[in-house]
């Protein structure tokens, strides 16, 4: 968290606020959130560049800068970006980018796990090696039944675990994997390699559908306030969750009498309905 829908929502919200603005200066308040280069070089090199566009790869947000450079932000568990007036300093601000026009882009990260990188898009550093290994995004045309079947074939790990593997399902995390498995009627504990082709097809469609719905409703804001849009407002998909965070409650599937359970898979929890997920 944030996952693909949240990062895409942030990207869309930031685009009109950033494109065309120049970075007047950079203040790094916590050095270890700068992934590349070192904090001093990061602040010096980023200053003066103008934003030309935005893009996204999985859970990574790319802010395009003139000269073929990118400011890459990995929000991890609790990071978010806010555009604020020059006098406002949000709590847990880790990096501040002054903007032309008197505003600032603030990278806020309570847990300090998120990272920012300043790179040339043609030569990513070793710190971003994971980006080169990422698989297809379920919202893209290349994420087909054939693609997913090939990734799952012969695998003994649980299907839930593999959905969280960014080399398999780029951009998917704990929330949307649970929701997709429920839509597909598949238990998260099933061995991935034992799914039938029909089940794999249902899962591929469910992943695409739930991620697009997450984008439509501007992402999921948790009860603790984790994840907000750049203007500080909350997402809306939390009102439409079928299993995530609903342990002990009745299943929402029409006609189902099941009660949502939580099971531990590795170091992650998974929520499912024992009555309608097989």
C-alpha atoms as a PDB file:
ATOM      1  CA  UNK A   1       0.000   0.000   0.000  1.00  0.00           C
ATOM      2  CA  UNK A   2      -0.199   2.230  -2.006  1.00  0.00           C
ATOM      3  CA  UNK A   3      -0.776  -0.154  -4.913  1.00  0.00           C
ATOM      4  CA  UNK A   4      -1.256   0.467  -8.634  1.00  0.00           C
ATOM      5  CA  UNK A   5      -4.648   2.270  -8.367  1.00  0.00           C
ATOM      6  CA  UNK A   6      -3.386   4.625  -5.672  1.00  0.00           C
ATOM      7  CA  UNK A   7      -0.184   5.471  -7.532  1.00  0.00           C
ATOM      8  CA  UNK A   8      -2.106   6.010 -10.772  1.00  0.00           C
ATOM      9  CA  UNK A   9      -4.565   8.291  -8.977  1.00  0.00           C
ATOM     10  CA  UNK A  10      -1.705  10.287  -7.482  1.00  0.00           C
ATOM     11  CA  UNK A  11      -0.083  10.543 -10.920  1.00  0.00           C
ATOM     12  CA  UNK A  12      -3.259  11.900 -12.478  1.00  0.00           C
ATOM     13  CA  UNK A  13      -3.753  14.381  -9.671  1.00  0.00           C
ATOM     14  CA  UNK A  14      -0.185  15.669  -9.802  1.00  0.00           C
ATOM     15  CA  UNK A  15       0.060  16.079 -13.569  1.00  0.00           C
ATOM     16  CA  UNK A  16      -1.788  19.425 -13.897  1.00  0.00           C
ATOM     17  CA  UNK A  17      -0.135  20.715 -10.714  1.00  0.00           C
ATOM     18  CA  UNK A  18       3.443  19.987 -11.772  1.00  0.00           C
ATOM     19  CA  UNK A  19       3.834  20.007 -15.560  1.00  0.00           C
ATOM     20  CA  UNK A  20       5.478  23.239 -16.655  1.00  0.00           C
ATOM     21  CA  UNK A  21       6.702  24.162 -13.174  1.00  0.00           C
ATOM     22  CA  UNK A  22      10.383  24.427 -12.370  1.00  0.00           C
ATOM     23  CA  UNK A  23      11.993  23.038  -9.204  1.00  0.00           C
ATOM     24  CA  UNK A  24      13.413  26.080  -7.442  1.00  0.00           C
ATOM     25  CA  UNK A  25      15.203  24.150  -4.711  1.00  0.00           C
ATOM     26  CA  UNK A  26      15.277  20.878  -2.781  1.00  0.00           C
ATOM     27  CA  UNK A  27      15.433  20.287   0.971  1.00  0.00           C
ATOM     28  CA  UNK A  28      16.203  16.734   2.126  1.00  0.00           C
ATOM     29  CA  UNK A  29      15.042  16.370   5.701  1.00  0.00           C
ATOM     30  CA  UNK A  30      15.945  12.700   6.037  1.00  0.00           C
ATOM     31  CA  UNK A  31      18.905  11.456   4.021  1.00  0.00           C
ATOM     32  CA  UNK A  32      18.017   7.752   3.998  1.00  0.00           C
ATOM     33  CA  UNK A  33      14.872   8.265   1.923  1.00  0.00           C
ATOM     34  CA  UNK A  34      17.038   9.312  -1.027  1.00  0.00           C
ATOM     35  CA  UNK A  35      17.795   6.124  -2.936  1.00  0.00           C
ATOM     36  CA  UNK A  36      20.044   7.648  -5.634  1.00  0.00           C
ATOM     37  CA  UNK A  37      22.343   9.554  -5.793  1.00  0.00           C
ATOM     38  CA  UNK A  38      23.456  10.525  -2.274  1.00  0.00           C
ATOM     39  CA  UNK A  39      21.323  13.147  -0.548  1.00  0.00           C
ATOM     40  CA  UNK A  40      23.636  16.112  -1.168  1.00  0.00           C
ATOM     41  CA  UNK A  41      24.047  15.357  -4.883  1.00  0.00           C
ATOM     42  CA  UNK A  42      20.318  14.652  -5.179  1.00  0.00           C
ATOM     43  CA  UNK A  43      19.371  18.085  -3.828  1.00  0.00           C
ATOM     44  CA  UNK A  44      21.950  19.841  -5.986  1.00  0.00           C
ATOM     45  CA  UNK A  45      21.198  17.992  -9.235  1.00  0.00           C
ATOM     46  CA  UNK A  46      17.395  18.086  -9.063  1.00  0.00           C
ATOM     47  CA  UNK A  47      17.169  21.838  -8.463  1.00  0.00           C
ATOM     48  CA  UNK A  48      16.485  23.866 -11.592  1.00  0.00           C
ATOM     49  CA  UNK A  49      14.764  21.143 -13.630  1.00  0.00           C
ATOM     50  CA  UNK A  50      11.305  21.654 -15.092  1.00  0.00           C
ATOM     51  CA  UNK A  51       8.549  19.007 -15.002  1.00  0.00           C
ATOM     52  CA  UNK A  52       7.505  17.886 -18.486  1.00  0.00           C
ATOM     53  CA  UNK A  53       5.143  14.981 -17.744  1.00  0.00           C
ATOM     54  CA  UNK A  54       4.297  12.022 -15.524  1.00  0.00           C
ATOM     55  CA  UNK A  55       4.228   8.259 -15.945  1.00  0.00           C
ATOM     56  CA  UNK A  56       3.991   5.128 -13.820  1.00  0.00           C
ATOM     57  CA  UNK A  57       5.395   1.599 -13.742  1.00  0.00           C
ATOM     58  CA  UNK A  58       3.716  -0.707 -11.256  1.00  0.00           C
ATOM     59  CA  UNK A  59       3.931   1.017  -7.878  1.00  0.00           C
ATOM     60  CA  UNK A  60       6.667   3.422  -9.022  1.00  0.00           C
ATOM     61  CA  UNK A  61       5.716   6.991  -9.898  1.00  0.00           C
ATOM     62  CA  UNK A  62       7.888   8.673 -12.515  1.00  0.00           C
ATOM     63  CA  UNK A  63       7.940  12.453 -12.714  1.00  0.00           C
ATOM     64  CA  UNK A  64       9.468  13.362 -16.061  1.00  0.00           C
ATOM     65  CA  UNK A  65      11.964  16.214 -16.158  1.00  0.00           C
ATOM     66  CA  UNK A  66      13.548  18.060 -19.030  1.00  0.00           C
ATOM     67  CA  UNK A  67      16.724  16.607 -20.484  1.00  0.00           C
ATOM     68  CA  UNK A  68      15.610  12.989 -20.279  1.00  0.00           C
ATOM     69  CA  UNK A  69      15.826  12.855 -16.487  1.00  0.00           C
ATOM     70  CA  UNK A  70      13.299  11.312 -14.097  1.00  0.00           C
ATOM     71  CA  UNK A  71      12.379  11.831 -10.490  1.00  0.00           C
ATOM     72  CA  UNK A  72      11.182   8.379  -9.404  1.00  0.00           C
ATOM     73  CA  UNK A  73       9.151   7.989  -6.224  1.00  0.00           C
ATOM     74  CA  UNK A  74       8.472   4.657  -4.527  1.00  0.00           C
ATOM     75  CA  UNK A  75       5.805   5.304  -1.888  1.00  0.00           C
ATOM     76  CA  UNK A  76       6.130   1.899  -0.178  1.00  0.00           C
ATOM     77  CA  UNK A  77       3.711   1.418   2.746  1.00  0.00           C
ATOM     78  CA  UNK A  78       2.720   4.904   3.807  1.00  0.00           C
ATOM     79  CA  UNK A  79       4.302   7.527   1.555  1.00  0.00           C
ATOM     80  CA  UNK A  80       2.334  10.188  -0.267  1.00  0.00           C
ATOM     81  CA  UNK A  81       2.888  13.416  -2.154  1.00  0.00           C
ATOM     82  CA  UNK A  82       1.212  16.745  -1.484  1.00  0.00           C
ATOM     83  CA  UNK A  83       1.376  20.055  -3.318  1.00  0.00           C
ATOM     84  CA  UNK A  84       1.309  22.705  -0.587  1.00  0.00           C
ATOM     85  CA  UNK A  85       1.727  26.451  -0.274  1.00  0.00           C
ATOM     86  CA  UNK A  86       5.221  27.636   0.510  1.00  0.00           C
ATOM     87  CA  UNK A  87       4.548  28.195   4.228  1.00  0.00           C
ATOM     88  CA  UNK A  88       3.023  24.766   4.926  1.00  0.00           C
ATOM     89  CA  UNK A  89       5.261  21.971   6.202  1.00  0.00           C
ATOM     90  CA  UNK A  90       3.374  18.665   6.586  1.00  0.00           C
ATOM     91  CA  UNK A  91       4.233  16.370   9.465  1.00  0.00           C
ATOM     92  CA  UNK A  92       6.708  13.633   8.463  1.00  0.00           C
ATOM     93  CA  UNK A  93       7.899  15.597   5.452  1.00  0.00           C
ATOM     94  CA  UNK A  94      11.062  13.849   4.251  1.00  0.00           C
ATOM     95  CA  UNK A  95      11.885  15.759   1.054  1.00  0.00           C
ATOM     96  CA  UNK A  96      10.598  19.121  -0.110  1.00  0.00           C
ATOM     97  CA  UNK A  97      10.740  20.349  -3.706  1.00  0.00           C
ATOM     98  CA  UNK A  98      10.202  24.076  -4.053  1.00  0.00           C
ATOM     99  CA  UNK A  99       8.180  24.939  -7.155  1.00  0.00           C
ATOM    100  CA  UNK A 100       7.954  28.027  -9.305  1.00  0.00           C
ATOM    101  CA  UNK A 101       4.816  29.951  -8.407  1.00  0.00           C
ATOM    102  CA  UNK A 102       5.250  29.787  -4.638  1.00  0.00           C
ATOM    103  CA  UNK A 103       4.144  26.206  -3.991  1.00  0.00           C
ATOM    104  CA  UNK A 104       6.064  23.083  -3.005  1.00  0.00           C
ATOM    105  CA  UNK A 105       5.864  19.350  -3.608  1.00  0.00           C
ATOM    106  CA  UNK A 106       6.182  17.544  -0.281  1.00  0.00           C
ATOM    107  CA  UNK A 107       7.151  13.876   0.019  1.00  0.00           C
ATOM    108  CA  UNK A 108       5.538  12.733   3.264  1.00  0.00           C
ATOM    109  CA  UNK A 109       6.485   9.330   4.701  1.00  0.00           C
ATOM    110  CA  UNK A 110       5.671   8.516   8.358  1.00  0.00           C
ATOM    111  CA  UNK A 111       7.571   5.205   8.315  1.00  0.00           C
ATOM    112  CA  UNK A 112      10.499   6.516   6.240  1.00  0.00           C
ATOM    113  CA  UNK A 113      10.425   3.387   4.052  1.00  0.00           C
ATOM    114  CA  UNK A 114       9.659   5.179   0.793  1.00  0.00           C
ATOM    115  CA  UNK A 115      12.410   6.322  -1.535  1.00  0.00           C
ATOM    116  CA  UNK A 116      13.104   8.999  -4.144  1.00  0.00           C
ATOM    117  CA  UNK A 117      15.570   8.646  -7.009  1.00  0.00           C
ATOM    118  CA  UNK A 118      16.964  11.069  -9.595  1.00  0.00           C
ATOM    119  CA  UNK A 119      18.001   9.161 -12.708  1.00  0.00           C
ATOM    120  CA  UNK A 120      18.546   9.233 -16.427  1.00  0.00           C
ATOM    121  CA  UNK A 121      15.737   7.166 -17.930  1.00  0.00           C
ATOM    122  CA  UNK A 122      18.205   5.302 -20.190  1.00  0.00           C
ATOM    123  CA  UNK A 123      20.430   4.090 -17.342  1.00  0.00           C
ATOM    124  CA  UNK A 124      18.758   3.086 -14.102  1.00  0.00           C
ATOM    125  CA  UNK A 125      21.183   2.517 -11.195  1.00  0.00           C
ATOM    126  CA  UNK A 126      21.489  -0.822  -9.327  1.00  0.00           C
ATOM    127  CA  UNK A 127      19.230   0.609  -6.611  1.00  0.00           C
ATOM    128  CA  UNK A 128      16.365   0.332  -9.127  1.00  0.00           C
ATOM    129  CA  UNK A 129      17.221  -3.109 -10.472  1.00  0.00           C
ATOM    130  CA  UNK A 130      13.788  -4.340  -9.396  1.00  0.00           C
ATOM    131  CA  UNK A 131      12.143  -2.144 -12.032  1.00  0.00           C
ATOM    132  CA  UNK A 132      13.845  -4.114 -14.803  1.00  0.00           C
ATOM    133  CA  UNK A 133      12.486  -7.385 -13.427  1.00  0.00           C
ATOM    134  CA  UNK A 134       8.856  -6.356 -13.143  1.00  0.00           C
ATOM    135  CA  UNK A 135       6.240  -8.365 -15.004  1.00  0.00           C
ATOM    136  CA  UNK A 136       3.141  -7.229 -16.842  1.00  0.00           C
ATOM    137  CA  UNK A 137       0.559  -4.957 -15.268  1.00  0.00           C
ATOM    138  CA  UNK A 138      -2.938  -6.512 -15.193  1.00  0.00           C
ATOM    139  CA  UNK A 139      -4.393  -3.298 -16.635  1.00  0.00           C
ATOM    140  CA  UNK A 140      -2.302  -3.626 -19.812  1.00  0.00           C
ATOM    141  CA  UNK A 141      -3.073  -5.637 -22.942  1.00  0.00           C
ATOM    142  CA  UNK A 142      -0.107  -7.949 -22.442  1.00  0.00           C
ATOM    143  CA  UNK A 143      -1.601  -9.388 -19.254  1.00  0.00           C
ATOM    144  CA  UNK A 144      -3.493 -12.248 -20.891  1.00  0.00           C
ATOM    145  CA  UNK A 145      -4.619 -15.676 -19.742  1.00  0.00           C
ATOM    146  CA  UNK A 146      -1.623 -17.132 -21.587  1.00  0.00           C
ATOM    147  CA  UNK A 147       0.762 -14.758 -19.811  1.00  0.00           C
ATOM    148  CA  UNK A 148      -0.596 -15.511 -16.332  1.00  0.00           C
ATOM    149  CA  UNK A 149      -0.810 -19.253 -17.004  1.00  0.00           C
ATOM    150  CA  UNK A 150       2.861 -19.297 -17.983  1.00  0.00           C
ATOM    151  CA  UNK A 151       3.835 -17.472 -14.800  1.00  0.00           C
ATOM    152  CA  UNK A 152       1.843 -19.841 -12.577  1.00  0.00           C
ATOM    153  CA  UNK A 153       2.597 -23.107 -14.361  1.00  0.00           C
ATOM    154  CA  UNK A 154       4.318 -25.666 -12.140  1.00  0.00           C
ATOM    155  CA  UNK A 155       4.559 -23.304  -9.164  1.00  0.00           C
ATOM    156  CA  UNK A 156       4.008 -24.817  -5.714  1.00  0.00           C
ATOM    157  CA  UNK A 157       3.594 -21.486  -3.924  1.00  0.00           C
ATOM    158  CA  UNK A 158       0.141 -20.229  -3.018  1.00  0.00           C
ATOM    159  CA  UNK A 159      -1.600 -18.169  -5.661  1.00  0.00           C
ATOM    160  CA  UNK A 160      -1.816 -15.278  -3.188  1.00  0.00           C
ATOM    161  CA  UNK A 161       1.966 -15.249  -2.770  1.00  0.00           C
ATOM    162  CA  UNK A 162       2.559 -15.158  -6.514  1.00  0.00           C
ATOM    163  CA  UNK A 163       0.078 -12.345  -7.053  1.00  0.00           C
ATOM    164  CA  UNK A 164       2.218 -10.277  -4.683  1.00  0.00           C
ATOM    165  CA  UNK A 165       5.365 -11.075  -6.691  1.00  0.00           C
ATOM    166  CA  UNK A 166       6.035  -7.998  -8.819  1.00  0.00           C
ATOM    167  CA  UNK A 167       7.721 -10.210 -11.419  1.00  0.00           C
ATOM    168  CA  UNK A 168       4.318 -11.821 -11.968  1.00  0.00           C
ATOM    169  CA  UNK A 169       1.687  -9.137 -11.274  1.00  0.00           C
ATOM    170  CA  UNK A 170       3.276  -5.721 -11.450  1.00  0.00           C
ATOM    171  CA  UNK A 171       1.480  -3.202  -9.233  1.00  0.00           C
ATOM    172  CA  UNK A 172      -0.625  -5.690  -7.238  1.00  0.00           C
ATOM    173  CA  UNK A 173      -0.441  -5.762  -3.434  1.00  0.00           C
ATOM    174  CA  UNK A 174      -2.328  -7.130  -0.468  1.00  0.00           C
ATOM    175  CA  UNK A 175      -5.631  -5.328  -0.972  1.00  0.00           C
ATOM    176  CA  UNK A 176      -6.238  -5.922  -4.663  1.00  0.00           C
ATOM    177  CA  UNK A 177      -4.934  -9.503  -4.640  1.00  0.00           C
ATOM    178  CA  UNK A 178      -7.531 -10.412  -1.995  1.00  0.00           C
ATOM    179  CA  UNK A 179     -10.267  -8.631  -3.909  1.00  0.00           C
ATOM    180  CA  UNK A 180      -9.351 -10.230  -7.249  1.00  0.00           C
ATOM    181  CA  UNK A 181      -9.236 -13.736  -5.782  1.00  0.00           C
ATOM    182  CA  UNK A 182     -12.695 -13.238  -4.304  1.00  0.00           C
ATOM    183  CA  UNK A 183     -14.079 -12.023  -7.612  1.00  0.00           C
ATOM    184  CA  UNK A 184     -12.537 -15.041  -9.330  1.00  0.00           C
ATOM    185  CA  UNK A 185     -13.856 -17.479  -6.701  1.00  0.00           C
ATOM    186  CA  UNK A 186     -10.372 -18.823  -5.884  1.00  0.00           C
ATOM    187  CA  UNK A 187      -8.995 -19.390  -2.387  1.00  0.00           C
ATOM    188  CA  UNK A 188      -5.723 -17.561  -1.703  1.00  0.00           C
ATOM    189  CA  UNK A 189      -4.144 -20.740  -0.279  1.00  0.00           C
ATOM    190  CA  UNK A 190      -4.495 -22.755  -3.509  1.00  0.00           C
ATOM    191  CA  UNK A 191      -1.262 -23.895  -5.150  1.00  0.00           C
ATOM    192  CA  UNK A 192      -0.767 -21.626  -8.123  1.00  0.00           C
ATOM    193  CA  UNK A 193       0.322 -24.449 -10.435  1.00  0.00           C
ATOM    194  CA  UNK A 194      -2.867 -26.402  -9.813  1.00  0.00           C
ATOM    195  CA  UNK A 195      -5.285 -23.782 -11.110  1.00  0.00           C
ATOM    196  CA  UNK A 196      -7.178 -24.836 -14.218  1.00  0.00           C
ATOM    197  CA  UNK A 197      -6.942 -22.697 -17.347  1.00  0.00           C
ATOM    198  CA  UNK A 198     -10.530 -21.545 -16.756  1.00  0.00           C
ATOM    199  CA  UNK A 199      -9.596 -20.411 -13.250  1.00  0.00           C
ATOM    200  CA  UNK A 200      -6.505 -18.613 -14.519  1.00  0.00           C
ATOM    201  CA  UNK A 201      -8.677 -16.830 -17.091  1.00  0.00           C
ATOM    202  CA  UNK A 202     -11.147 -15.754 -14.394  1.00  0.00           C
ATOM    203  CA  UNK A 203      -8.297 -14.513 -12.255  1.00  0.00           C
ATOM    204  CA  UNK A 204      -6.703 -12.496 -15.065  1.00  0.00           C
ATOM    205  CA  UNK A 205     -10.042 -10.809 -15.769  1.00  0.00           C
ATOM    206  CA  UNK A 206     -10.680 -10.233 -12.061  1.00  0.00           C
ATOM    207  CA  UNK A 207      -7.286  -8.590 -11.579  1.00  0.00           C
ATOM    208  CA  UNK A 208      -7.885  -6.246 -14.489  1.00  0.00           C
ATOM    209  CA  UNK A 209     -11.384  -5.431 -13.285  1.00  0.00           C
ATOM    210  CA  UNK A 210     -10.544  -4.755  -9.660  1.00  0.00           C
ATOM    211  CA  UNK A 211      -7.546  -2.562 -10.499  1.00  0.00           C
ATOM    212  CA  UNK A 212      -9.585  -0.529 -12.970  1.00  0.00           C
ATOM    213  CA  UNK A 213     -12.335  -0.168 -10.375  1.00  0.00           C
ATOM    214  CA  UNK A 214      -9.730   0.967  -7.851  1.00  0.00           C
ATOM    215  CA  UNK A 215      -8.573   3.625 -10.294  1.00  0.00           C
ATOM    216  CA  UNK A 216     -12.169   4.646 -11.033  1.00  0.00           C
ATOM    217  CA  UNK A 217     -12.836   5.233  -7.327  1.00  0.00           C
ATOM    218  CA  UNK A 218      -9.474   6.967  -6.729  1.00  0.00           C
ATOM    219  CA  UNK A 219      -7.921   4.213  -4.639  1.00  0.00           C
ATOM    220  CA  UNK A 220      -8.358   2.872  -1.123  1.00  0.00           C
ATOM    221  CA  UNK A 221      -7.835   5.021   1.974  1.00  0.00           C
ATOM    222  CA  UNK A 222      -7.381   2.956   5.130  1.00  0.00           C
ATOM    223  CA  UNK A 223      -8.974   3.763   8.496  1.00  0.00           C
ATOM    224  CA  UNK A 224      -5.669   5.096   9.794  1.00  0.00           C
ATOM    225  CA  UNK A 225      -5.662   7.635   6.952  1.00  0.00           C
ATOM    226  CA  UNK A 226      -2.903   5.945   4.973  1.00  0.00           C
ATOM    227  CA  UNK A 227      -2.996   7.174   1.378  1.00  0.00           C
ATOM    228  CA  UNK A 228      -4.611  10.420   0.365  1.00  0.00           C
ATOM    229  CA  UNK A 229      -4.779  12.210  -2.963  1.00  0.00           C
ATOM    230  CA  UNK A 230      -2.375  15.108  -3.648  1.00  0.00           C
ATOM    231  CA  UNK A 231      -5.066  17.593  -2.550  1.00  0.00           C
ATOM    232  CA  UNK A 232      -5.523  15.788   0.774  1.00  0.00           C
ATOM    233  CA  UNK A 233      -8.862  14.125  -0.058  1.00  0.00           C
ATOM    234  CA  UNK A 234      -9.536  10.435   0.504  1.00  0.00           C
ATOM    235  CA  UNK A 235     -10.055   7.662  -2.002  1.00  0.00           C
ATOM    236  CA  UNK A 236     -13.404   5.891  -2.353  1.00  0.00           C
ATOM    237  CA  UNK A 237     -12.711   2.229  -3.073  1.00  0.00           C
ATOM    238  CA  UNK A 238     -12.628   1.315   0.636  1.00  0.00           C
ATOM    239  CA  UNK A 239     -16.428   1.556   0.539  1.00  0.00           C
ATOM    240  CA  UNK A 240     -16.510  -1.182  -2.115  1.00  0.00           C
ATOM    241  CA  UNK A 241     -14.118  -3.753  -0.644  1.00  0.00           C
ATOM    242  CA  UNK A 242     -15.630  -7.238  -0.592  1.00  0.00           C
ATOM    243  CA  UNK A 243     -13.143  -9.093   1.629  1.00  0.00           C
ATOM    244  CA  UNK A 244     -10.159  -6.955   2.608  1.00  0.00           C
ATOM    245  CA  UNK A 245     -10.590  -5.694   6.173  1.00  0.00           C
ATOM    246  CA  UNK A 246     -13.963  -7.465   6.526  1.00  0.00           C
ATOM    247  CA  UNK A 247     -12.996 -10.452   8.671  1.00  0.00           C
ATOM    248  CA  UNK A 248     -15.998 -11.816  10.584  1.00  0.00           C
ATOM    249  CA  UNK A 249     -18.532 -10.124   8.303  1.00  0.00           C
ATOM    250  CA  UNK A 250     -20.942 -11.689   5.831  1.00  0.00           C
ATOM    251  CA  UNK A 251     -19.841 -12.187   2.257  1.00  0.00           C
ATOM    252  CA  UNK A 252     -21.177  -9.603  -0.173  1.00  0.00           C
ATOM    253  CA  UNK A 253     -21.641 -12.067  -3.039  1.00  0.00           C
ATOM    254  CA  UNK A 254     -25.408 -12.370  -3.767  1.00  0.00           C
ATOM    255  CA  UNK A 255     -26.818 -15.579  -2.301  1.00  0.00           C
ATOM    256  CA  UNK A 256     -23.653 -16.454  -0.356  1.00  0.00           C
ATOM    257  CA  UNK A 257     -24.014 -17.209   3.350  1.00  0.00           C
ATOM    258  CA  UNK A 258     -20.278 -17.278   4.059  1.00  0.00           C
ATOM    259  CA  UNK A 259     -18.385 -15.245   6.650  1.00  0.00           C
ATOM    260  CA  UNK A 260     -15.075 -13.674   5.680  1.00  0.00           C
ATOM    261  CA  UNK A 261     -12.005 -15.276   7.258  1.00  0.00           C
ATOM    262  CA  UNK A 262      -8.374 -14.251   7.551  1.00  0.00           C
ATOM    263  CA  UNK A 263      -5.509 -16.678   7.023  1.00  0.00           C
ATOM    264  CA  UNK A 264      -1.773 -16.110   7.333  1.00  0.00           C
ATOM    265  CA  UNK A 265       0.282 -16.862   4.217  1.00  0.00           C
ATOM    266  CA  UNK A 266       3.952 -16.314   4.848  1.00  0.00           C
ATOM    267  CA  UNK A 267       4.251 -12.888   6.436  1.00  0.00           C
ATOM    268  CA  UNK A 268       1.058 -11.562   4.861  1.00  0.00           C
ATOM    269  CA  UNK A 269      -2.591 -11.937   5.748  1.00  0.00           C
ATOM    270  CA  UNK A 270      -5.218 -12.993   3.211  1.00  0.00           C
ATOM    271  CA  UNK A 271      -8.977 -12.559   3.465  1.00  0.00           C
ATOM    272  CA  UNK A 272     -11.410 -14.865   1.723  1.00  0.00           C
ATOM    273  CA  UNK A 273     -14.877 -16.377   1.839  1.00  0.00           C
ATOM    274  CA  UNK A 274     -14.790 -20.134   2.624  1.00  0.00           C
ATOM    275  CA  UNK A 275     -18.225 -20.606   1.076  1.00  0.00           C
ATOM    276  CA  UNK A 276     -17.731 -19.184  -2.418  1.00  0.00           C
ATOM    277  CA  UNK A 277     -13.961 -19.357  -2.961  1.00  0.00           C
ATOM    278  CA  UNK A 278     -12.785 -22.846  -3.847  1.00  0.00           C
END
